[in-house]
Protein backbone atom coordinates (compact mmCIF):
# COMPACT_ATOMS: atom_id res chain seq x y z
CA MET A 1 -31.46 -2.19 7.74
CA THR A 2 -32.07 -5.28 5.66
CA ALA A 3 -29.61 -8.16 5.43
CA GLY A 4 -28.75 -7.08 1.88
CA ALA A 5 -28.01 -3.53 3.04
CA TRP A 6 -25.75 -4.82 5.80
CA ALA A 7 -23.95 -7.05 3.32
CA GLU A 8 -23.38 -4.12 0.95
CA LEU A 9 -22.09 -1.95 3.80
CA ILE A 10 -19.65 -4.55 5.14
CA ALA A 11 -18.53 -5.50 1.62
CA SER A 12 -17.91 -1.85 0.78
CA GLY A 13 -15.65 -1.59 3.82
CA LEU A 14 -13.80 -4.80 2.93
CA ILE A 15 -13.24 -3.60 -0.65
CA THR A 16 -11.74 -0.34 0.58
CA GLY A 17 -9.79 -2.23 3.24
CA GLY A 18 -8.30 -4.53 0.60
CA ILE A 19 -6.63 -1.55 -1.06
CA TYR A 20 -5.55 -0.18 2.32
CA ALA A 21 -3.92 -3.52 3.10
CA LEU A 22 -2.14 -3.75 -0.25
CA VAL A 23 -0.65 -0.27 0.12
CA ALA A 24 0.26 -0.87 3.76
CA LEU A 25 1.99 -4.19 3.02
CA GLY A 26 4.42 -2.50 0.66
CA LEU A 27 5.21 0.29 3.12
CA ASN A 28 5.45 -2.16 6.02
CA LEU A 29 7.90 -4.30 4.05
CA GLN A 30 10.14 -1.29 3.45
CA TYR A 31 10.06 -0.06 7.02
CA GLY A 32 10.09 -3.43 8.75
CA LEU A 33 13.11 -4.63 6.76
CA MET A 34 15.12 -1.49 6.02
CA ARG A 35 13.73 1.14 8.42
CA ILE A 36 12.77 3.29 5.43
CA LEU A 37 9.60 5.20 6.32
CA ASN A 38 8.82 6.01 2.71
CA ILE A 39 6.46 9.00 2.86
CA ALA A 40 6.44 8.99 -0.97
CA HIS A 41 4.91 5.50 -1.08
CA GLY A 42 1.44 6.74 -2.05
CA GLU A 43 2.85 8.78 -4.92
CA PHE A 44 3.87 5.59 -6.67
CA LEU A 45 0.32 4.33 -6.24
CA MET A 46 -0.66 7.46 -8.15
CA VAL A 47 1.93 6.71 -10.85
CA GLY A 48 0.52 3.20 -11.27
CA ALA A 49 -2.98 4.66 -11.60
CA PHE A 50 -1.94 7.15 -14.28
CA LEU A 51 0.06 4.58 -16.21
CA THR A 52 -3.04 2.39 -16.32
CA TRP A 53 -5.28 5.31 -17.32
CA THR A 54 -2.85 6.29 -20.11
CA ALA A 55 -2.54 2.73 -21.41
CA HIS A 56 -6.30 2.19 -21.41
CA THR A 57 -7.53 5.52 -22.78
CA MET A 58 -4.77 6.21 -25.30
CA LEU A 59 -3.57 2.75 -26.32
CA GLY A 60 -6.66 0.65 -25.67
CA ILE A 61 -4.84 -1.76 -23.33
CA SER A 62 -7.05 -3.55 -20.81
CA PRO A 63 -6.49 -2.46 -17.19
CA LEU A 64 -6.25 -6.16 -16.29
CA LEU A 65 -3.19 -6.49 -18.50
CA MET A 66 -1.73 -3.45 -16.77
CA VAL A 67 -1.82 -5.13 -13.35
CA PRO A 68 1.37 -7.20 -13.88
CA VAL A 69 2.85 -4.43 -16.06
CA SER A 70 2.33 -1.85 -13.29
CA PHE A 71 3.93 -4.19 -10.78
CA ALA A 72 6.96 -4.78 -13.00
CA LEU A 73 7.43 -1.11 -13.94
CA LEU A 74 7.10 0.17 -10.38
CA MET A 75 9.32 -2.61 -9.06
CA GLY A 76 12.00 -1.64 -11.58
CA LEU A 77 11.62 2.00 -10.60
CA GLY A 78 11.97 0.99 -6.97
CA LEU A 79 15.24 -0.80 -7.67
CA VAL A 80 16.59 2.33 -9.37
CA ILE A 81 15.44 4.64 -6.56
CA HIS A 82 16.96 2.41 -3.89
CA ARG A 83 20.25 2.28 -5.76
CA LEU A 84 20.44 6.03 -6.33
CA THR A 85 19.11 7.18 -2.97
CA PHE A 86 18.75 4.79 -0.05
CA ARG A 87 21.79 2.59 -0.71
CA ARG A 88 23.96 5.70 -0.66
CA LEU A 89 22.31 6.85 2.58
CA THR A 90 22.99 3.43 4.11
CA ARG A 91 26.69 3.75 3.34
CA THR A 92 27.06 7.33 4.58
CA SER A 93 24.92 7.17 7.75
CA PRO A 94 26.90 6.46 10.94
CA ASN A 95 24.02 4.59 12.63
CA LEU A 96 20.43 3.45 12.17
CA ASP A 97 18.86 6.50 13.80
CA VAL A 98 20.67 8.86 11.45
CA PHE A 99 19.73 6.67 8.48
CA GLU A 100 16.03 6.73 9.45
CA ALA A 101 16.06 10.52 9.74
CA ARG A 102 17.89 10.99 6.45
CA GLY A 103 15.69 8.44 4.71
CA LEU A 104 12.57 10.23 5.93
CA MET A 105 13.82 13.56 4.59
CA ALA A 106 14.81 11.98 1.28
CA SER A 107 11.36 10.41 0.89
CA PHE A 108 9.72 13.78 1.54
CA GLY A 109 11.73 15.24 -1.32
CA LEU A 110 10.86 12.23 -3.46
CA MET A 111 7.16 12.73 -2.72
CA PHE A 112 7.14 16.30 -4.04
CA LEU A 113 9.34 15.36 -6.99
CA VAL A 114 7.01 12.57 -8.15
CA GLN A 115 3.90 14.66 -7.50
CA ASN A 116 5.16 17.59 -9.56
CA CYS A 117 6.38 15.36 -12.38
CA ALA A 118 2.90 13.80 -12.53
CA GLN A 119 1.27 17.23 -12.74
CA LEU A 120 3.66 18.18 -15.52
CA LEU A 121 2.91 15.00 -17.49
CA TRP A 122 -0.81 14.54 -16.88
CA GLY A 123 -2.04 17.89 -15.58
CA GLY A 124 -3.98 18.53 -12.40
CA ASP A 125 -7.45 17.48 -13.59
CA LEU A 126 -9.37 14.46 -12.36
CA ARG A 127 -9.13 11.49 -14.73
CA GLY A 128 -11.16 8.33 -15.04
CA TYR A 129 -12.62 5.70 -17.34
CA ASP A 130 -15.41 3.11 -17.32
CA PHE A 131 -14.43 -0.50 -16.79
CA LEU A 132 -16.70 -3.34 -15.64
CA ALA A 133 -19.05 -0.89 -13.94
CA ALA A 134 -22.15 -3.10 -14.36
CA PRO A 135 -23.71 -4.26 -11.06
CA VAL A 136 -23.46 -7.87 -9.94
CA ALA A 137 -26.10 -9.36 -7.64
CA ILE A 138 -24.82 -11.63 -4.84
CA GLY A 139 -27.20 -12.92 -2.18
CA GLY A 140 -29.67 -10.07 -2.46
CA ALA A 141 -26.96 -7.38 -2.51
CA GLN A 142 -25.55 -5.57 -5.53
CA PHE A 143 -21.91 -4.70 -6.14
CA ALA A 144 -20.07 -3.11 -9.04
CA ALA A 145 -18.08 -5.77 -10.88
CA ASN A 146 -14.93 -3.63 -10.91
CA LYS A 147 -15.00 -3.26 -7.13
CA LEU A 148 -15.38 -7.00 -6.64
CA LEU A 149 -12.44 -7.53 -8.99
CA LEU A 150 -10.44 -4.93 -7.05
CA PHE A 151 -11.09 -6.77 -3.79
CA VAL A 152 -10.18 -10.21 -5.15
CA LEU A 153 -6.94 -9.04 -6.79
CA ALA A 154 -5.92 -7.03 -3.72
CA LEU A 155 -6.36 -10.12 -1.55
CA LEU A 156 -4.47 -12.30 -4.05
CA PHE A 157 -1.44 -9.99 -4.14
CA SER A 158 -1.51 -9.52 -0.37
CA GLY A 159 -1.75 -13.26 0.21
CA ALA A 160 1.02 -13.94 -2.30
CA LEU A 161 3.40 -11.63 -0.44
CA ILE A 162 2.56 -13.19 2.93
CA LEU A 163 3.08 -16.70 1.53
CA LEU A 164 6.35 -15.60 -0.08
CA LEU A 165 7.64 -14.40 3.28
CA ARG A 166 6.41 -17.46 5.20
CA LEU A 167 7.14 -20.37 2.88
CA THR A 168 10.21 -19.54 0.79
CA LEU A 169 13.91 -19.36 1.56
CA LEU A 170 13.88 -15.75 0.37
CA GLY A 171 11.08 -15.00 2.82
CA LYS A 172 12.97 -16.63 5.69
CA GLY A 173 15.92 -14.39 4.93
CA VAL A 174 13.68 -11.31 4.97
CA ARG A 175 12.08 -12.31 8.26
CA ALA A 176 15.49 -13.00 9.78
CA LEU A 177 16.66 -9.51 8.79
CA MET A 178 13.52 -7.99 10.32
CA GLN A 179 14.10 -9.81 13.61
CA SER A 180 17.85 -9.32 13.91
CA PRO A 181 19.77 -7.53 11.13
CA THR A 182 23.13 -8.16 12.76
CA GLY A 183 22.46 -11.84 13.42
CA ALA A 184 21.15 -12.36 9.88
CA GLN A 185 24.27 -10.84 8.37
CA LEU A 186 26.47 -13.00 10.60
CA VAL A 187 24.90 -16.15 9.13
CA GLY A 188 25.53 -14.95 5.58
CA ILE A 189 22.28 -13.26 4.48
CA ASP A 190 23.13 -10.73 1.77
CA THR A 191 21.47 -7.41 2.63
CA GLY A 192 22.94 -5.86 -0.50
CA ARG A 193 20.59 -8.00 -2.59
CA LEU A 194 17.57 -8.31 -0.33
CA HIS A 195 17.14 -4.62 0.48
CA PRO A 196 16.72 -3.30 -3.08
CA LEU A 197 14.61 -6.33 -4.06
CA MET A 198 12.16 -5.84 -1.19
CA PHE A 199 12.06 -2.08 -1.72
CA GLY A 200 11.20 -2.74 -5.35
CA ILE A 201 8.48 -5.27 -4.43
CA GLY A 202 7.01 -2.71 -2.03
CA LEU A 203 6.74 -0.10 -4.78
CA GLY A 204 5.43 -2.77 -7.16
CA LEU A 205 2.54 -3.44 -4.78
CA SER A 206 1.75 0.26 -4.66
CA GLY A 207 1.68 0.27 -8.47
CA VAL A 208 -0.81 -2.62 -8.44
CA ALA A 209 -2.96 -0.76 -5.92
CA GLY A 210 -2.97 2.31 -8.17
CA CYS A 211 -3.89 0.20 -11.19
CA LEU A 212 -6.83 -1.33 -9.31
CA LEU A 213 -8.00 2.03 -7.99
CA SER A 214 -8.03 3.54 -11.48
CA MET A 215 -10.62 0.91 -12.49
CA THR A 216 -13.13 2.15 -9.93
CA TYR A 217 -12.39 5.75 -8.91
CA THR A 218 -11.26 9.01 -10.46
CA ILE A 219 -7.56 9.74 -10.07
CA SER A 220 -5.43 12.86 -9.69
CA PRO A 221 -1.76 13.75 -9.00
CA SER A 222 -2.64 14.51 -5.36
CA MET A 223 -4.32 11.16 -4.65
CA GLY A 224 -1.25 9.43 -3.21
CA GLU A 225 -0.66 11.33 0.01
CA PRO A 226 -3.92 10.27 1.78
CA TYR A 227 -3.13 6.63 1.02
CA THR A 228 0.32 7.00 2.58
CA VAL A 229 -1.25 8.35 5.76
CA THR A 230 -3.82 5.55 5.76
CA ALA A 231 -1.06 2.98 5.26
CA LEU A 232 0.72 4.36 8.34
CA ILE A 233 -2.50 4.00 10.34
CA VAL A 234 -2.92 0.41 9.09
CA ILE A 235 0.58 -0.71 9.97
CA THR A 236 0.19 0.94 13.37
CA LEU A 237 -2.95 -1.17 13.86
CA GLY A 238 -1.30 -4.35 12.63
CA GLY A 239 2.17 -3.77 14.02
CA PHE A 240 5.32 -2.57 12.26
CA GLY A 241 6.89 -5.47 10.41
CA SER A 242 3.81 -7.74 10.71
CA MET A 243 2.49 -8.58 7.22
CA ALA A 244 -0.53 -10.57 8.42
CA GLY A 245 -1.26 -7.75 10.84
CA ALA A 246 -1.20 -5.22 7.99
CA LEU A 247 -3.69 -7.32 6.01
CA VAL A 248 -6.07 -7.70 8.95
CA GLY A 249 -5.58 -4.07 9.97
CA GLY A 250 -6.36 -2.81 6.47
CA LEU A 251 -9.55 -4.83 6.20
CA ALA A 252 -10.60 -3.84 9.73
CA LEU A 253 -10.00 -0.14 9.10
CA GLY A 254 -12.02 -0.27 5.88
CA VAL A 255 -15.00 -1.84 7.67
CA ILE A 256 -14.74 0.58 10.61
CA GLU A 257 -14.72 3.56 8.25
CA ALA A 258 -17.69 2.21 6.28
CA LEU A 259 -19.73 1.68 9.45
CA GLY A 260 -18.70 5.02 10.90
CA MET A 261 -19.61 6.97 7.76
CA HIS A 262 -22.98 5.21 7.52
CA PHE A 263 -24.08 5.71 11.11
CA THR A 264 -22.53 9.14 11.71
CA ASN A 265 -21.39 11.73 9.18
CA PRO A 266 -19.36 10.85 6.04
CA SER A 267 -17.21 13.94 6.62
CA LEU A 268 -15.99 12.35 9.89
CA LYS A 269 -14.07 9.61 8.05
CA SER A 270 -10.64 11.20 8.61
CA LEU A 271 -11.48 12.08 12.20
CA LEU A 272 -12.44 8.46 12.90
CA SER A 273 -9.24 7.11 11.31
CA TYR A 274 -6.99 9.49 13.24
CA ALA A 275 -8.81 8.76 16.50
CA ILE A 276 -8.17 5.03 15.98
CA PHE A 277 -4.53 5.80 15.12
CA ILE A 278 -3.95 7.83 18.31
CA GLY A 279 -5.86 5.35 20.46
CA VAL A 280 -3.81 2.38 19.27
CA LEU A 281 -0.56 4.30 19.75
CA LEU A 282 -1.53 5.03 23.36
CA TRP A 283 -3.04 1.61 24.19
CA ARG A 284 -1.05 -0.90 22.10
CA PRO A 285 1.94 0.93 20.55
CA ASN A 286 3.26 -2.36 19.11
CA GLY A 287 0.00 -2.96 17.22
CA LEU A 288 -3.23 -4.83 17.92
CA PHE A 289 -2.16 -8.01 16.15
CA VAL A 290 1.36 -8.39 17.55
CA ARG A 291 1.92 -10.53 20.61
CA LYS A 292 3.26 -8.68 23.62
């Protein structure tokens, strides 16, 4: 392989990994803070993709303008869902274990609800549009402009979340709740405000990921579930509750998949991902990027 071919292969993996990281960060935020394993997370990625497709094809709105709009709309939807579903479960569950189990069942129902509503609204056909598909030459390698844009925006949103959690007072409160919910509440951190806000931000990030994906790939109402599974693999790699770990894990998984599909069989992509998932669970159950 030439240097240009290697660059294209690694870049392809990083581009895919950027989306993996963005989806995983939102799910990791929800589980790490609130112990909500939101199996429906990928369905909101799908909603963001279809909202962008509708706005672009029917209203002529640029997908770039839909990036902040998708974040805002999905964040607002997340606030509503948390208020109607998970806040009530928090109040009625006698302990954390019961809440996790009930939250998991509720998110399963939410997944099928969102999926069927999407099929009712947009049908079951594949959808897509052309946007910045012209190739761009960088150092002897060629990349589609929309995929480069996808990678850059995914990194920007991922980095913004990590910086928010590390450098702001809000972020310190979130990290305190992740480390010790009881201790954080004893020092006056208001879970009643932080939980719905972070749940909404998590769904907002999934909406952004869907918006970016719609620029480069075809979309369908069933596209969300595989991304939820991939996000679970990524946060297992990076460690539950570790945002930097989710970013590194997403990028690493994208590159591993790209290399594996190139040197073996493309149909083995899922097998490779699940093998990594099981191996990490057995070897480092706390994640590869979390200190023991």
